[in-house]
């Protein structure tokens, strides 16, 4: 099973680049449409 959009958002930036291919087309759509305004810093992702 691949990553969900929210799981991907919480990954560190370097891990996002490595694992971006694990997102399904539906999860990619969610990133573009539903989560496009969500910006987390690396510090926020860790806590």
Protein backbone atom coordinates (compact mmCIF):
# COMPACT_ATOMS: atom_id res chain seq x y z
CA UNK A 1 0.00 0.00 0.00
CA UNK A 2 1.29 3.46 -0.89
CA UNK A 3 1.43 6.61 1.14
CA UNK A 4 -1.56 8.78 1.85
CA UNK A 5 -1.30 12.48 1.06
CA UNK A 6 -1.20 13.37 4.75
CA UNK A 7 1.51 10.81 5.47
CA UNK A 8 3.56 12.27 2.63
CA UNK A 9 3.11 15.84 3.90
CA UNK A 10 4.51 14.83 7.29
CA UNK A 11 7.69 13.35 5.81
CA UNK A 12 10.90 15.40 5.85
CA UNK A 13 11.55 17.13 2.52
CA UNK A 14 14.34 14.76 1.43
CA UNK A 15 12.13 11.75 2.18
CA UNK A 16 9.25 13.33 0.22
CA UNK A 17 11.48 13.46 -2.84
CA UNK A 18 12.47 9.81 -2.47
CA UNK A 19 8.98 8.48 -1.83
CA UNK A 20 6.85 10.67 -4.09
CA UNK A 21 6.32 7.78 -6.51
CA UNK A 22 4.45 5.90 -3.77
CA UNK A 23 1.49 8.29 -4.02
CA UNK A 24 -1.49 7.07 -6.00
CA UNK A 25 -3.12 9.38 -8.58
CA UNK A 26 -5.95 9.99 -6.08
CA UNK A 27 -3.51 11.02 -3.34
CA UNK A 28 -1.70 13.32 -5.80
CA UNK A 29 -5.05 14.94 -6.57
CA UNK A 30 -5.63 15.49 -2.85
CA UNK A 31 -2.25 17.20 -2.56
CA UNK A 32 -3.11 19.54 -5.42
CA UNK A 33 -6.72 20.25 -4.50
CA UNK A 34 -7.26 19.75 -0.77
CA UNK A 35 -3.86 20.26 0.82
CA UNK A 36 -2.29 22.85 -1.47
CA UNK A 37 -2.62 25.57 1.20
CA UNK A 38 -1.05 23.46 3.96
CA UNK A 39 2.56 24.46 4.64
CA UNK A 40 4.48 22.86 7.49
CA UNK A 41 8.03 23.68 8.48
CA UNK A 42 10.47 20.83 9.08
CA UNK A 43 10.19 21.58 12.82
CA UNK A 44 6.40 21.25 12.73
CA UNK A 45 6.65 17.91 10.97
CA UNK A 46 8.76 16.45 13.75
CA UNK A 47 6.50 17.49 16.62
